[in-house]
Amino acid sequence: MNKVSIHQKINEILIEEFEVDEEVINPDASLKESLDLDSLDYVDLVVIIESNFGVKLVEADFAEMVTFQDFYDVIERKIAAKN
């Protein structure tokens, strides 16, 4: 799975599962402000990411995520480490 397909899949998940407006998804945009997710939504996000990519996000991963690009980077690193 390459970077483009990872980004597309993540964006698709955010749009479909969390009703995020496609226009707010920008690599430099603030992840937390743009998504406006509550704690239960974050649990759902962890489960959905794990089922789609086979990697598990932990609380420490979210601490380093500020932008959408940070989110993409964390998923990419975890996928690379798994393979």
PDB file of N, CA and C in Angstrom:
ATOM      1  N   MET A   1       0.851  -1.175   0.000  1.00  0.00           N
ATOM      2  CA  MET A   1       0.000   0.000   0.000  1.00  0.00           C
ATOM      3  C   MET A   1       0.900   1.243   0.000  1.00  0.00           C
ATOM      4  N   ASN A   2       0.710   2.120  -0.982  1.00  0.00           N
ATOM      5  CA  ASN A   2       1.556   3.303  -1.064  1.00  0.00           C
ATOM      6  C   ASN A   2       0.927   4.483  -0.324  1.00  0.00           C
ATOM      7  N   LYS A   3       1.708   5.576  -0.213  1.00  0.00           N
ATOM      8  CA  LYS A   3       1.256   6.742   0.551  1.00  0.00           C
ATOM      9  C   LYS A   3      -0.064   7.299   0.034  1.00  0.00           C
ATOM     10  N   VAL A   4      -0.193   7.402  -1.280  1.00  0.00           N
ATOM     11  CA  VAL A   4      -1.410   7.972  -1.866  1.00  0.00           C
ATOM     12  C   VAL A   4      -2.621   7.137  -1.495  1.00  0.00           C
ATOM     13  N   SER A   5      -2.505   5.815  -1.606  1.00  0.00           N
ATOM     14  CA  SER A   5      -3.653   4.966  -1.278  1.00  0.00           C
ATOM     15  C   SER A   5      -3.958   4.992   0.218  1.00  0.00           C
ATOM     16  N   ILE A   6      -2.937   5.134   1.057  1.00  0.00           N
ATOM     17  CA  ILE A   6      -3.151   5.257   2.504  1.00  0.00           C
ATOM     18  C   ILE A   6      -3.918   6.541   2.801  1.00  0.00           C
ATOM     19  N   HIS A   7      -3.479   7.645   2.212  1.00  0.00           N
ATOM     20  CA  HIS A   7      -4.144   8.937   2.436  1.00  0.00           C
ATOM     21  C   HIS A   7      -5.590   8.886   1.954  1.00  0.00           C
ATOM     22  N   GLN A   8      -5.798   8.308   0.772  1.00  0.00           N
ATOM     23  CA  GLN A   8      -7.151   8.224   0.220  1.00  0.00           C
ATOM     24  C   GLN A   8      -8.060   7.390   1.117  1.00  0.00           C
ATOM     25  N   LYS A   9      -7.543   6.268   1.605  1.00  0.00           N
ATOM     26  CA  LYS A   9      -8.347   5.399   2.465  1.00  0.00           C
ATOM     27  C   LYS A   9      -8.682   6.088   3.790  1.00  0.00           C
ATOM     28  N   ILE A  10      -7.702   6.772   4.379  1.00  0.00           N
ATOM     29  CA  ILE A  10      -7.948   7.501   5.631  1.00  0.00           C
ATOM     30  C   ILE A  10      -9.009   8.572   5.401  1.00  0.00           C
ATOM     31  N   ASN A  11      -8.869   9.331   4.320  1.00  0.00           N
ATOM     32  CA  ASN A  11      -9.842  10.386   4.022  1.00  0.00           C
ATOM     33  C   ASN A  11     -11.234   9.797   3.823  1.00  0.00           C
ATOM     34  N   GLU A  12     -11.298   8.680   3.112  1.00  0.00           N
ATOM     35  CA  GLU A  12     -12.570   8.001   2.873  1.00  0.00           C
ATOM     36  C   GLU A  12     -13.218   7.580   4.191  1.00  0.00           C
ATOM     37  N   ILE A  13     -12.425   7.048   5.105  1.00  0.00           N
ATOM     38  CA  ILE A  13     -12.921   6.639   6.425  1.00  0.00           C
ATOM     39  C   ILE A  13     -13.470   7.845   7.176  1.00  0.00           C
ATOM     40  N   LEU A  14     -12.718   8.939   7.179  1.00  0.00           N
ATOM     41  CA  LEU A  14     -13.147  10.135   7.906  1.00  0.00           C
ATOM     42  C   LEU A  14     -14.444  10.695   7.343  1.00  0.00           C
ATOM     43  N   ILE A  15     -14.565  10.694   6.026  1.00  0.00           N
ATOM     44  CA  ILE A  15     -15.761  11.229   5.371  1.00  0.00           C
ATOM     45  C   ILE A  15     -16.966  10.330   5.617  1.00  0.00           C
ATOM     46  N   GLU A  16     -16.773   9.026   5.423  1.00  0.00           N
ATOM     47  CA  GLU A  16     -17.901   8.107   5.522  1.00  0.00           C
ATOM     48  C   GLU A  16     -18.306   7.778   6.953  1.00  0.00           C
ATOM     49  N   GLU A  17     -17.331   7.520   7.807  1.00  0.00           N
ATOM     50  CA  GLU A  17     -17.642   7.068   9.162  1.00  0.00           C
ATOM     51  C   GLU A  17     -17.892   8.209  10.144  1.00  0.00           C
ATOM     52  N   PHE A  18     -17.242   9.347   9.917  1.00  0.00           N
ATOM     53  CA  PHE A  18     -17.332  10.442  10.882  1.00  0.00           C
ATOM     54  C   PHE A  18     -17.944  11.703  10.286  1.00  0.00           C
ATOM     55  N   GLU A  19     -18.473  11.584   9.070  1.00  0.00           N
ATOM     56  CA  GLU A  19     -19.161  12.677   8.397  1.00  0.00           C
ATOM     57  C   GLU A  19     -18.344  13.959   8.355  1.00  0.00           C
ATOM     58  N   VAL A  20     -17.036  13.810   8.125  1.00  0.00           N
ATOM     59  CA  VAL A  20     -16.144  14.957   7.993  1.00  0.00           C
ATOM     60  C   VAL A  20     -16.315  15.521   6.591  1.00  0.00           C
ATOM     61  N   ASP A  21     -16.427  16.827   6.511  1.00  0.00           N
ATOM     62  CA  ASP A  21     -16.562  17.502   5.225  1.00  0.00           C
ATOM     63  C   ASP A  21     -15.230  17.404   4.478  1.00  0.00           C
ATOM     64  N   GLU A  22     -15.274  16.931   3.265  1.00  0.00           N
ATOM     65  CA  GLU A  22     -14.058  16.706   2.476  1.00  0.00           C
ATOM     66  C   GLU A  22     -13.193  17.963   2.373  1.00  0.00           C
ATOM     67  N   GLU A  23     -13.812  19.138   2.361  1.00  0.00           N
ATOM     68  CA  GLU A  23     -13.060  20.387   2.207  1.00  0.00           C
ATOM     69  C   GLU A  23     -12.162  20.699   3.404  1.00  0.00           C
ATOM     70  N   VAL A  24     -12.474  20.151   4.582  1.00  0.00           N
ATOM     71  CA  VAL A  24     -11.644  20.450   5.752  1.00  0.00           C
ATOM     72  C   VAL A  24     -10.429  19.532   5.838  1.00  0.00           C
ATOM     73  N   ILE A  25     -10.416  18.481   5.030  1.00  0.00           N
ATOM     74  CA  ILE A  25      -9.290  17.547   5.067  1.00  0.00           C
ATOM     75  C   ILE A  25      -8.160  18.115   4.217  1.00  0.00           C
ATOM     76  N   ASN A  26      -7.151  18.607   4.928  1.00  0.00           N
ATOM     77  CA  ASN A  26      -5.991  19.235   4.310  1.00  0.00           C
ATOM     78  C   ASN A  26      -4.782  18.796   5.126  1.00  0.00           C
ATOM     79  N   PRO A  27      -3.702  18.395   4.483  1.00  0.00           N
ATOM     80  CA  PRO A  27      -2.545  17.898   5.247  1.00  0.00           C
ATOM     81  C   PRO A  27      -2.065  18.833   6.360  1.00  0.00           C
ATOM     82  N   ASP A  28      -2.216  20.144   6.165  1.00  0.00           N
ATOM     83  CA  ASP A  28      -1.730  21.103   7.156  1.00  0.00           C
ATOM     84  C   ASP A  28      -2.788  21.527   8.170  1.00  0.00           C
ATOM     85  N   ALA A  29      -4.027  21.091   7.992  1.00  0.00           N
ATOM     86  CA  ALA A  29      -5.113  21.482   8.896  1.00  0.00           C
ATOM     87  C   ALA A  29      -4.993  20.760  10.234  1.00  0.00           C
ATOM     88  N   SER A  30      -5.484  21.398  11.263  1.00  0.00           N
ATOM     89  CA  SER A  30      -5.488  20.806  12.599  1.00  0.00           C
ATOM     90  C   SER A  30      -6.438  19.615  12.627  1.00  0.00           C
ATOM     91  N   LEU A  31      -5.915  18.481  13.010  1.00  0.00           N
ATOM     92  CA  LEU A  31      -6.703  17.257  13.054  1.00  0.00           C
ATOM     93  C   LEU A  31      -7.837  17.371  14.077  1.00  0.00           C
ATOM     94  N   LYS A  32      -7.508  17.767  15.283  1.00  0.00           N
ATOM     95  CA  LYS A  32      -8.508  17.806  16.361  1.00  0.00           C
ATOM     96  C   LYS A  32      -9.582  18.850  16.098  1.00  0.00           C
ATOM     97  N   GLU A  33      -9.185  20.030  15.650  1.00  0.00           N
ATOM     98  CA  GLU A  33     -10.172  21.082  15.389  1.00  0.00           C
ATOM     99  C   GLU A  33     -11.062  20.724  14.204  1.00  0.00           C
ATOM    100  N   SER A  34     -10.489  20.146  13.181  1.00  0.00           N
ATOM    101  CA  SER A  34     -11.256  19.818  11.973  1.00  0.00           C
ATOM    102  C   SER A  34     -12.218  18.661  12.203  1.00  0.00           C
ATOM    103  N   LEU A  35     -11.781  17.667  12.965  1.00  0.00           N
ATOM    104  CA  LEU A  35     -12.614  16.481  13.168  1.00  0.00           C
ATOM    105  C   LEU A  35     -13.669  16.684  14.239  1.00  0.00           C
ATOM    106  N   ASP A  36     -13.330  17.427  15.285  1.00  0.00           N
ATOM    107  CA  ASP A  36     -14.262  17.670  16.383  1.00  0.00           C
ATOM    108  C   ASP A  36     -14.853  16.358  16.910  1.00  0.00           C
ATOM    109  N   LEU A  37     -13.973  15.407  17.206  1.00  0.00           N
ATOM    110  CA  LEU A  37     -14.401  14.098  17.693  1.00  0.00           C
ATOM    111  C   LEU A  37     -14.412  14.074  19.218  1.00  0.00           C
ATOM    112  N   ASP A  38     -15.346  13.311  19.776  1.00  0.00           N
ATOM    113  CA  ASP A  38     -15.330  13.106  21.220  1.00  0.00           C
ATOM    114  C   ASP A  38     -14.543  11.834  21.531  1.00  0.00           C
ATOM    115  N   SER A  39     -14.433  11.500  22.796  1.00  0.00           N
ATOM    116  CA  SER A  39     -13.604  10.361  23.189  1.00  0.00           C
ATOM    117  C   SER A  39     -14.111   9.041  22.607  1.00  0.00           C
ATOM    118  N   LEU A  40     -15.412   8.877  22.510  1.00  0.00           N
ATOM    119  CA  LEU A  40     -15.954   7.649  21.912  1.00  0.00           C
ATOM    120  C   LEU A  40     -15.641   7.573  20.423  1.00  0.00           C
ATOM    121  N   ASP A  41     -15.644   8.725  19.759  1.00  0.00           N
ATOM    122  CA  ASP A  41     -15.283   8.755  18.339  1.00  0.00           C
ATOM    123  C   ASP A  41     -13.825   8.309  18.145  1.00  0.00           C
ATOM    124  N   TYR A  42     -12.953   8.729  19.069  1.00  0.00           N
ATOM    125  CA  TYR A  42     -11.548   8.311  18.964  1.00  0.00           C
ATOM    126  C   TYR A  42     -11.412   6.801  19.134  1.00  0.00           C
ATOM    127  N   VAL A  43     -12.208   6.223  20.018  1.00  0.00           N
ATOM    128  CA  VAL A  43     -12.201   4.764  20.177  1.00  0.00           C
ATOM    129  C   VAL A  43     -12.643   4.110  18.870  1.00  0.00           C
ATOM    130  N   ASP A  44     -13.703   4.634  18.272  1.00  0.00           N
ATOM    131  CA  ASP A  44     -14.173   4.110  16.984  1.00  0.00           C
ATOM    132  C   ASP A  44     -13.094   4.249  15.922  1.00  0.00           C
ATOM    133  N   LEU A  45     -12.411   5.382  15.914  1.00  0.00           N
ATOM    134  CA  LEU A  45     -11.348   5.613  14.932  1.00  0.00           C
ATOM    135  C   LEU A  45     -10.233   4.583  15.076  1.00  0.00           C
ATOM    136  N   VAL A  46      -9.843   4.295  16.310  1.00  0.00           N
ATOM    137  CA  VAL A  46      -8.804   3.285  16.565  1.00  0.00           C
ATOM    138  C   VAL A  46      -9.232   1.929  16.000  1.00  0.00           C
ATOM    139  N   VAL A  47     -10.473   1.545  16.263  1.00  0.00           N
ATOM    140  CA  VAL A  47     -10.988   0.250  15.797  1.00  0.00           C
ATOM    141  C   VAL A  47     -11.041   0.211  14.268  1.00  0.00           C
ATOM    142  N   ILE A  48     -11.503   1.279  13.660  1.00  0.00           N
ATOM    143  CA  ILE A  48     -11.624   1.325  12.196  1.00  0.00           C
ATOM    144  C   ILE A  48     -10.252   1.312  11.533  1.00  0.00           C
ATOM    145  N   ILE A  49      -9.304   2.045  12.086  1.00  0.00           N
ATOM    146  CA  ILE A  49      -7.944   2.043  11.528  1.00  0.00           C
ATOM    147  C   ILE A  49      -7.341   0.649  11.633  1.00  0.00           C
ATOM    148  N   GLU A  50      -7.534   0.011  12.776  1.00  0.00           N
ATOM    149  CA  GLU A  50      -6.995  -1.339  12.963  1.00  0.00           C
ATOM    150  C   GLU A  50      -7.615  -2.324  11.975  1.00  0.00           C
ATOM    151  N   SER A  51      -8.919  -2.229  11.768  1.00  0.00           N
ATOM    152  CA  SER A  51      -9.567  -3.177  10.862  1.00  0.00           C
ATOM    153  C   SER A  51      -9.217  -2.915   9.399  1.00  0.00           C
ATOM    154  N   ASN A  52      -8.925  -1.671   9.047  1.00  0.00           N
ATOM    155  CA  ASN A  52      -8.613  -1.344   7.657  1.00  0.00           C
ATOM    156  C   ASN A  52      -7.134  -1.483   7.319  1.00  0.00           C
ATOM    157  N   PHE A  53      -6.264  -1.207   8.293  1.00  0.00           N
ATOM    158  CA  PHE A  53      -4.829  -1.195   8.014  1.00  0.00           C
ATOM    159  C   PHE A  53      -4.046  -2.254   8.786  1.00  0.00           C
ATOM    160  N   GLY A  54      -4.683  -2.899   9.751  1.00  0.00           N
ATOM    161  CA  GLY A  54      -3.995  -3.929  10.522  1.00  0.00           C
ATOM    162  C   GLY A  54      -2.974  -3.377  11.498  1.00  0.00           C
ATOM    163  N   VAL A  55      -3.110  -2.106  11.864  1.00  0.00           N
ATOM    164  CA  VAL A  55      -2.211  -1.491  12.843  1.00  0.00           C
ATOM    165  C   VAL A  55      -3.054  -0.897  13.965  1.00  0.00           C
ATOM    166  N   LYS A  56      -2.477  -0.877  15.158  1.00  0.00           N
ATOM    167  CA  LYS A  56      -3.210  -0.375  16.322  1.00  0.00           C
ATOM    168  C   LYS A  56      -2.652   0.973  16.746  1.00  0.00           C
ATOM    169  N   LEU A  57      -3.545   1.918  16.949  1.00  0.00           N
ATOM    170  CA  LEU A  57      -3.163   3.220  17.476  1.00  0.00           C
ATOM    171  C   LEU A  57      -3.313   3.190  18.991  1.00  0.00           C
ATOM    172  N   VAL A  58      -2.374   3.817  19.680  1.00  0.00           N
ATOM    173  CA  VAL A  58      -2.437   3.928  21.131  1.00  0.00           C
ATOM    174  C   VAL A  58      -2.486   5.407  21.502  1.00  0.00           C
ATOM    175  N   GLU A  59      -2.781   5.675  22.744  1.00  0.00           N
ATOM    176  CA  GLU A  59      -2.942   7.058  23.199  1.00  0.00           C
ATOM    177  C   GLU A  59      -1.721   7.916  22.868  1.00  0.00           C
ATOM    178  N   ALA A  60      -0.527   7.368  23.016  1.00  0.00           N
ATOM    179  CA  ALA A  60       0.694   8.125  22.729  1.00  0.00           C
ATOM    180  C   ALA A  60       0.766   8.554  21.265  1.00  0.00           C
ATOM    181  N   ASP A  61       0.192   7.759  20.366  1.00  0.00           N
ATOM    182  CA  ASP A  61       0.184   8.127  18.947  1.00  0.00           C
ATOM    183  C   ASP A  61      -0.591   9.422  18.730  1.00  0.00           C
ATOM    184  N   PHE A  62      -1.700   9.577  19.430  1.00  0.00           N
ATOM    185  CA  PHE A  62      -2.522  10.773  19.263  1.00  0.00           C
ATOM    186  C   PHE A  62      -1.837  12.011  19.821  1.00  0.00           C
ATOM    187  N   ALA A  63      -0.964  11.830  20.801  1.00  0.00           N
ATOM    188  CA  ALA A  63      -0.253  12.966  21.387  1.00  0.00           C
ATOM    189  C   ALA A  63       0.622  13.673  20.359  1.00  0.00           C
ATOM    190  N   GLU A  64       1.166  12.915  19.409  1.00  0.00           N
ATOM    191  CA  GLU A  64       2.046  13.517  18.405  1.00  0.00           C
ATOM    192  C   GLU A  64       1.299  13.970  17.155  1.00  0.00           C
ATOM    193  N   MET A  65       0.004  13.734  17.095  1.00  0.00           N
ATOM    194  CA  MET A  65      -0.777  14.118  15.919  1.00  0.00           C
ATOM    195  C   MET A  65      -1.364  15.509  16.095  1.00  0.00           C
ATOM    196  N   VAL A  66      -0.910  16.432  15.272  1.00  0.00           N
ATOM    197  CA  VAL A  66      -1.458  17.784  15.291  1.00  0.00           C
ATOM    198  C   VAL A  66      -2.226  18.039  13.998  1.00  0.00           C
ATOM    199  N   THR A  67      -1.644  17.641  12.883  1.00  0.00           N
ATOM    200  CA  THR A  67      -2.259  17.878  11.572  1.00  0.00           C
ATOM    201  C   THR A  67      -2.687  16.561  10.936  1.00  0.00           C
ATOM    202  N   PHE A  68      -3.430  16.677   9.858  1.00  0.00           N
ATOM    203  CA  PHE A  68      -3.791  15.474   9.099  1.00  0.00           C
ATOM    204  C   PHE A  68      -2.528  14.773   8.615  1.00  0.00           C
ATOM    205  N   GLN A  69      -1.511  15.547   8.210  1.00  0.00           N
ATOM    206  CA  GLN A  69      -0.261  14.940   7.747  1.00  0.00           C
ATOM    207  C   GLN A  69       0.377  14.109   8.848  1.00  0.00           C
ATOM    208  N   ASP A  70       0.334  14.594  10.075  1.00  0.00           N
ATOM    209  CA  ASP A  70       0.863  13.816  11.206  1.00  0.00           C
ATOM    210  C   ASP A  70       0.115  12.485  11.329  1.00  0.00           C
ATOM    211  N   PHE A  71      -1.191  12.533  11.156  1.00  0.00           N
ATOM    212  CA  PHE A  71      -2.014  11.327  11.218  1.00  0.00           C
ATOM    213  C   PHE A  71      -1.598  10.347  10.128  1.00  0.00           C
ATOM    214  N   TYR A  72      -1.468  10.857   8.897  1.00  0.00           N
ATOM    215  CA  TYR A  72      -1.018  10.006   7.788  1.00  0.00           C
ATOM    216  C   TYR A  72       0.347   9.390   8.096  1.00  0.00           C
ATOM    217  N   ASP A  73       1.258  10.213   8.615  1.00  0.00           N
ATOM    218  CA  ASP A  73       2.628   9.755   8.889  1.00  0.00           C
ATOM    219  C   ASP A  73       2.650   8.633   9.925  1.00  0.00           C
ATOM    220  N   VAL A  74       1.839   8.768  10.973  1.00  0.00           N
ATOM    221  CA  VAL A  74       1.789   7.729  12.015  1.00  0.00           C
ATOM    222  C   VAL A  74       1.298   6.410  11.418  1.00  0.00           C
ATOM    223  N   ILE A  75       0.243   6.478  10.628  1.00  0.00           N
ATOM    224  CA  ILE A  75      -0.294   5.254  10.011  1.00  0.00           C
ATOM    225  C   ILE A  75       0.738   4.657   9.062  1.00  0.00           C
ATOM    226  N   GLU A  76       1.387   5.489   8.258  1.00  0.00           N
ATOM    227  CA  GLU A  76       2.406   4.995   7.325  1.00  0.00           C
ATOM    228  C   GLU A  76       3.541   4.303   8.059  1.00  0.00           C
ATOM    229  N   ARG A  77       4.022   4.911   9.159  1.00  0.00           N
ATOM    230  CA  ARG A  77       5.120   4.322   9.943  1.00  0.00           C
ATOM    231  C   ARG A  77       4.710   2.976  10.530  1.00  0.00           C
ATOM    232  N   LYS A  78       3.499   2.907  11.057  1.00  0.00           N
ATOM    233  CA  LYS A  78       3.028   1.659  11.657  1.00  0.00           C
ATOM    234  C   LYS A  78       2.866   0.566  10.611  1.00  0.00           C
ATOM    235  N   ILE A  79       2.381   0.916   9.430  1.00  0.00           N
ATOM    236  CA  ILE A  79       2.257  -0.063   8.363  1.00  0.00           C
ATOM    237  C   ILE A  79       3.638  -0.548   7.922  1.00  0.00           C
ATOM    238  N   ALA A  80       4.583   0.385   7.786  1.00  0.00           N
ATOM    239  CA  ALA A  80       5.944   0.023   7.378  1.00  0.00           C
ATOM    240  C   ALA A  80       6.596  -0.876   8.422  1.00  0.00           C
ATOM    241  N   ALA A  81       6.389  -0.577   9.697  1.00  0.00           N
ATOM    242  CA  ALA A  81       6.978  -1.378  10.782  1.00  0.00           C
ATOM    243  C   ALA A  81       6.371  -2.774  10.812  1.00  0.00           C
ATOM    244  N   LYS A  82       5.100  -2.864  10.475  1.00  0.00           N
ATOM    245  CA  LYS A  82       4.417  -4.163  10.467  1.00  0.00           C
ATOM    246  C   LYS A  82       4.952  -5.056   9.339  1.00  0.00           C
ATOM    247  N   ASN A  83       5.254  -4.416   8.220  1.00  0.00           N
ATOM    248  CA  ASN A  83       5.736  -5.172   7.061  1.00  0.00           C
ATOM    249  C   ASN A  83       7.217  -5.355   7.199  1.00  0.00           C
TER     250      ASN A  83
END
